[in-house]
Amino acid sequence: MAEVLITLGIIGVVASMTMPQLLGHYQKKVTATRLKRAYNVIAQTIERSKVDYGDVSGWGLERIVGDSSSFANRQYIRVLFATQFWEPWIPAIRDRYYGTAKEFGYETINDKPANTAPITWYILNDGTIYGIDALVAGNEDKWGNINGIGYFVDVNGFAKPNLYGRDIFLFKLNLTTGNVIDNSENFARDELIDKCRNSRKDSGYSQYYCTILIAYDGWEIKPDYPW
C-alpha cells in the first residue's frame, strides 16, 4: 500500500509539471546518468592501471612534468598517460585527435570561441567525448599548487549547449590520493552550489565543482543545482 501511495505521489508531481519543466527534468536525469557512466569509465581505467602499476602515488607522473613552463613536458605527460594508463582500458574508441578544442570540432564552449590549449581528445562508441590534459604546478592551476591529470567530459558529444555544468564536466585525477572526485577542501553543499554557479564566469578548471556537487548528491541533479 505504501509503495502504491509513493508511486501515485510521483505521478502527481510529474502530472503537475509544465512541458518545459518535464523536458528540463528529463534532461537532468539523462545528464546525471551519462555523467555517472563517464565517471565509471575513468575510475575503471585507474583501478585497472593500479593492478599493473600499483597505487597512483607511485606512478611517478608528477616527477615527469617538471618545469610548468615547458610545453614539451606537458605534451610528454599527456601522451604517456593516455597510452599507458588510459587507452588500454577504455571502451572502443570511435575517434582520437590531438589539438585545440576548435580544431577538434567545437565552435564554442561556455558561449565563448573554443580555442583551448591543445590536448588529446577521444570520442568513444557511446558518443561521449573525453579530453586528457596534464595539469602542472603553478599559479595558473585553479585547483592549487599540485600536479594532476585533467579530464574534460562532454556527455552528449558535440551537441549543444556545450556549457560547463550542463553537458560538459571536468574531473581531475589527484596524483597523491588517486581520487577523481576530490572535495579535499571539504566544502559544504551550499558552498559547492555557489562555486558551481560562479565557475561559469571563470576559465580553467574551476568548473570541477559542478561535478563534485552532482557526485555529492548521489549522482543526481537536484532542483537547486545551478542549471
Protein backbone atom coordinates (compact mmCIF):
# COMPACT_ATOMS: atom_id res chain seq x y z
CA MET A 1 0.00 0.00 0.00
CA ALA A 2 2.84 2.38 0.89
CA GLU A 3 4.54 1.69 -2.46
CA VAL A 4 1.29 2.47 -4.28
CA LEU A 5 0.98 5.80 -2.44
CA ILE A 6 4.59 6.70 -3.26
CA THR A 7 4.03 5.85 -6.92
CA LEU A 8 0.85 7.91 -7.01
CA GLY A 9 2.72 10.78 -5.40
CA ILE A 10 5.42 10.69 -8.07
CA ILE A 11 2.80 10.54 -10.80
CA GLY A 12 1.06 13.52 -9.23
CA VAL A 13 4.26 15.57 -9.17
CA VAL A 14 5.03 14.74 -12.80
CA ALA A 15 1.44 15.47 -13.84
CA SER A 16 1.68 18.93 -12.28
CA MET A 17 4.73 19.87 -14.35
CA THR A 18 4.51 22.04 -17.44
CA MET A 19 6.05 20.79 -20.69
CA PRO A 20 9.26 22.88 -20.23
CA GLN A 21 9.56 21.54 -16.68
CA LEU A 22 9.11 17.97 -17.87
CA LEU A 23 11.77 18.50 -20.54
CA GLY A 24 14.17 20.02 -18.02
CA HIS A 25 13.55 17.16 -15.60
CA TYR A 26 14.24 14.62 -18.34
CA GLN A 27 17.43 16.41 -19.46
CA LYS A 28 18.76 16.46 -15.90
CA LYS A 29 18.10 12.74 -15.45
CA VAL A 30 19.83 11.88 -18.72
CA THR A 31 22.77 14.17 -17.97
CA ALA A 32 23.31 12.74 -14.48
CA THR A 33 23.13 9.18 -15.80
CA ARG A 34 25.65 9.90 -18.55
CA LEU A 35 27.96 11.72 -16.15
CA LYS A 36 27.99 8.80 -13.72
CA ARG A 37 28.73 6.46 -16.63
CA ALA A 38 31.66 8.67 -17.67
CA TYR A 39 32.94 8.64 -14.10
CA ASN A 40 32.78 4.86 -14.08
CA VAL A 41 34.82 4.71 -17.28
CA ILE A 42 37.51 6.95 -15.75
CA ALA A 43 37.51 5.11 -12.42
CA GLN A 44 37.75 1.77 -14.21
CA THR A 45 40.90 2.84 -16.07
CA ILE A 46 42.53 3.93 -12.82
CA GLU A 47 41.66 0.74 -10.97
CA ARG A 48 42.82 -1.40 -13.87
CA SER A 49 46.09 0.51 -14.12
CA LYS A 50 46.66 0.05 -10.39
CA VAL A 51 46.64 -3.71 -10.94
CA ASP A 52 49.69 -3.39 -13.20
CA TYR A 53 51.44 -0.32 -11.75
CA GLY A 54 50.39 -0.06 -8.10
CA ASP A 55 48.91 2.97 -6.33
CA VAL A 56 48.64 6.19 -8.32
CA SER A 57 51.06 7.91 -5.93
CA GLY A 58 53.76 5.54 -7.15
CA TRP A 59 53.27 6.12 -10.86
CA GLY A 60 55.79 8.96 -10.81
CA LEU A 61 53.84 11.20 -13.15
CA GLU A 62 54.35 14.33 -11.07
CA ARG A 63 58.13 13.98 -11.36
CA ILE A 64 57.98 13.75 -15.14
CA VAL A 65 56.08 17.01 -15.57
CA GLY A 66 58.97 19.10 -14.29
CA ASP A 67 59.06 22.77 -15.30
CA SER A 68 55.48 24.09 -15.52
CA SER A 69 56.51 26.44 -18.32
CA SER A 70 57.64 23.58 -20.54
CA PHE A 71 55.12 22.80 -23.28
CA ALA A 72 57.17 19.76 -24.27
CA ASN A 73 56.88 18.29 -20.78
CA ARG A 74 53.11 18.76 -20.74
CA GLN A 75 52.75 17.07 -24.09
CA TYR A 76 55.00 14.22 -22.97
CA ILE A 77 52.91 13.54 -19.88
CA ARG A 78 49.68 13.60 -21.93
CA VAL A 79 50.98 11.02 -24.36
CA LEU A 80 52.47 8.85 -21.63
CA PHE A 81 49.32 8.88 -19.51
CA ALA A 82 46.99 8.34 -22.45
CA THR A 83 48.90 5.40 -23.91
CA GLN A 84 49.86 3.66 -20.67
CA PHE A 85 47.08 4.40 -18.17
CA TRP A 86 44.03 5.31 -20.29
CA GLU A 87 43.74 3.81 -23.77
CA PRO A 88 44.34 0.16 -22.82
CA TRP A 89 41.32 0.09 -20.51
CA ILE A 90 38.62 2.26 -22.10
CA PRO A 91 35.76 1.01 -24.32
CA ALA A 92 36.15 1.07 -28.09
CA ILE A 93 37.40 4.38 -29.49
CA ARG A 94 35.50 5.88 -32.41
CA ASP A 95 37.98 8.70 -32.99
CA ARG A 96 41.10 10.20 -31.43
CA TYR A 97 42.65 13.62 -32.07
CA TYR A 98 45.34 15.93 -30.71
CA GLY A 99 44.76 19.67 -30.96
CA THR A 100 42.72 22.58 -29.66
CA ALA A 101 39.00 22.35 -28.98
CA LYS A 102 38.33 24.44 -32.07
CA GLU A 103 40.49 22.22 -34.27
CA PHE A 104 38.76 19.17 -32.81
CA GLY A 105 35.33 20.44 -33.82
CA TYR A 106 33.91 22.76 -31.16
CA GLU A 107 32.67 26.17 -32.27
CA THR A 108 32.01 27.49 -28.77
CA ILE A 109 32.40 26.30 -25.19
CA ASN A 110 30.61 28.23 -22.46
CA ASP A 111 29.36 30.68 -25.10
CA LYS A 112 32.93 31.66 -25.98
CA PRO A 113 35.02 30.75 -29.03
CA ALA A 114 36.56 27.34 -28.39
CA ASN A 115 40.31 27.78 -28.60
CA THR A 116 41.85 25.97 -25.65
CA ALA A 117 45.42 24.74 -25.49
CA PRO A 118 45.94 21.53 -27.48
CA ILE A 119 45.12 18.33 -25.61
CA THR A 120 44.36 14.70 -26.51
CA TRP A 121 40.70 14.07 -27.44
CA TYR A 122 38.72 10.84 -27.68
CA ILE A 123 35.22 10.00 -28.90
CA LEU A 124 34.05 6.65 -27.60
CA ASN A 125 31.46 4.48 -29.30
CA ASP A 126 28.70 5.75 -27.00
CA GLY A 127 29.35 9.29 -28.31
CA THR A 128 30.91 10.67 -25.13
CA ILE A 129 33.89 12.97 -25.66
CA TYR A 130 36.88 12.86 -23.33
CA GLY A 131 39.82 15.25 -23.33
CA ILE A 132 43.00 14.32 -21.45
CA ASP A 133 45.25 17.10 -20.15
CA ALA A 134 48.28 17.40 -17.88
CA LEU A 135 47.87 19.91 -15.06
CA VAL A 136 51.06 21.40 -13.73
CA ALA A 137 52.04 23.17 -10.53
CA GLY A 138 51.85 26.95 -10.57
CA ASN A 139 49.60 29.94 -10.02
CA GLU A 140 47.56 29.19 -13.12
CA ASP A 141 46.41 25.87 -11.68
CA LYS A 142 42.86 26.56 -10.49
CA TRP A 143 42.98 23.52 -8.19
CA GLY A 144 46.01 24.65 -6.22
CA ASN A 145 49.71 24.07 -6.36
CA ILE A 146 49.61 20.36 -7.25
CA ASN A 147 50.04 18.24 -10.32
CA GLY A 148 47.25 16.12 -11.77
CA ILE A 149 45.55 14.75 -14.85
CA GLY A 150 42.51 16.66 -16.06
CA TYR A 151 39.56 15.03 -17.81
CA PHE A 152 37.22 17.11 -19.99
CA VAL A 153 33.97 15.16 -20.48
CA ASP A 154 31.15 16.12 -22.85
CA VAL A 155 28.30 13.74 -22.12
CA ASN A 156 26.38 14.43 -25.36
CA GLY A 157 29.23 14.85 -27.82
CA PHE A 158 29.33 17.99 -29.95
CA ALA A 159 25.60 18.64 -29.47
CA LYS A 160 24.71 21.90 -27.79
CA PRO A 161 24.58 23.63 -25.36
CA ASN A 162 28.31 22.93 -24.79
CA LEU A 163 28.21 24.65 -21.40
CA TYR A 164 30.18 23.72 -18.30
CA GLY A 165 27.91 22.17 -15.72
CA ARG A 166 25.21 21.36 -18.31
CA ASP A 167 26.74 18.89 -20.73
CA ILE A 168 30.47 19.49 -20.19
CA PHE A 169 32.04 18.41 -16.92
CA LEU A 170 35.55 18.23 -15.54
CA PHE A 171 37.29 15.59 -13.47
CA LYS A 172 40.78 15.63 -12.01
CA LEU A 173 43.00 12.72 -11.06
CA ASN A 174 44.78 13.58 -7.83
CA LEU A 175 48.22 12.00 -8.21
CA THR A 176 48.58 11.61 -4.45
CA THR A 177 45.25 10.04 -3.49
CA GLY A 178 44.14 8.59 -6.82
CA ASN A 179 40.72 10.26 -6.47
CA VAL A 180 38.93 11.83 -9.44
CA ILE A 181 36.09 13.19 -7.28
CA ASP A 182 38.12 15.08 -4.72
CA ASN A 183 36.45 17.53 -2.34
CA SER A 184 39.76 17.83 -0.48
CA GLU A 185 38.80 21.29 0.78
CA ASN A 186 35.71 19.77 2.45
CA PHE A 187 33.29 22.34 1.07
CA ALA A 188 29.74 22.05 2.40
CA ARG A 189 26.94 21.55 -0.08
CA ASP A 190 25.85 25.20 -0.09
CA GLU A 191 29.43 26.21 -0.80
CA LEU A 192 29.61 23.76 -3.70
CA ILE A 193 26.41 25.24 -5.14
CA ASP A 194 27.91 28.76 -5.02
CA LYS A 195 31.20 27.61 -6.51
CA CYS A 196 29.44 25.69 -9.27
CA ARG A 197 27.31 28.76 -10.10
CA ASN A 198 30.27 31.15 -10.04
CA SER A 199 32.50 28.83 -12.04
CA ARG A 200 30.51 29.64 -15.18
CA LYS A 201 32.24 33.05 -15.14
CA ASP A 202 35.75 31.60 -14.88
CA SER A 203 38.16 29.96 -17.23
CA GLY A 204 40.29 26.95 -16.39
CA TYR A 205 39.17 24.03 -14.27
CA SER A 206 37.13 25.70 -11.53
CA GLN A 207 34.06 24.15 -13.17
CA TYR A 208 35.17 20.96 -11.42
CA TYR A 209 32.94 22.00 -8.52
CA CYS A 210 29.81 21.25 -10.56
CA THR A 211 30.99 17.67 -10.97
CA ILE A 212 31.70 17.41 -7.24
CA LEU A 213 28.22 18.76 -6.43
CA ILE A 214 26.42 16.19 -8.59
CA ALA A 215 28.51 13.37 -7.14
CA TYR A 216 27.87 14.73 -3.62
CA ASP A 217 24.13 14.50 -4.33
CA GLY A 218 24.39 10.82 -5.24
CA TRP A 219 24.77 11.42 -8.99
CA GLU A 220 21.54 13.39 -9.15
CA ILE A 221 20.91 16.92 -10.39
CA LYS A 222 18.78 18.40 -7.62
CA PRO A 223 16.22 21.22 -8.10
CA ASP A 224 18.62 23.82 -6.64
CA TYR A 225 21.52 22.82 -8.91
CA PRO A 226 22.70 25.85 -10.99
CA TRP A 227 21.19 24.53 -14.22
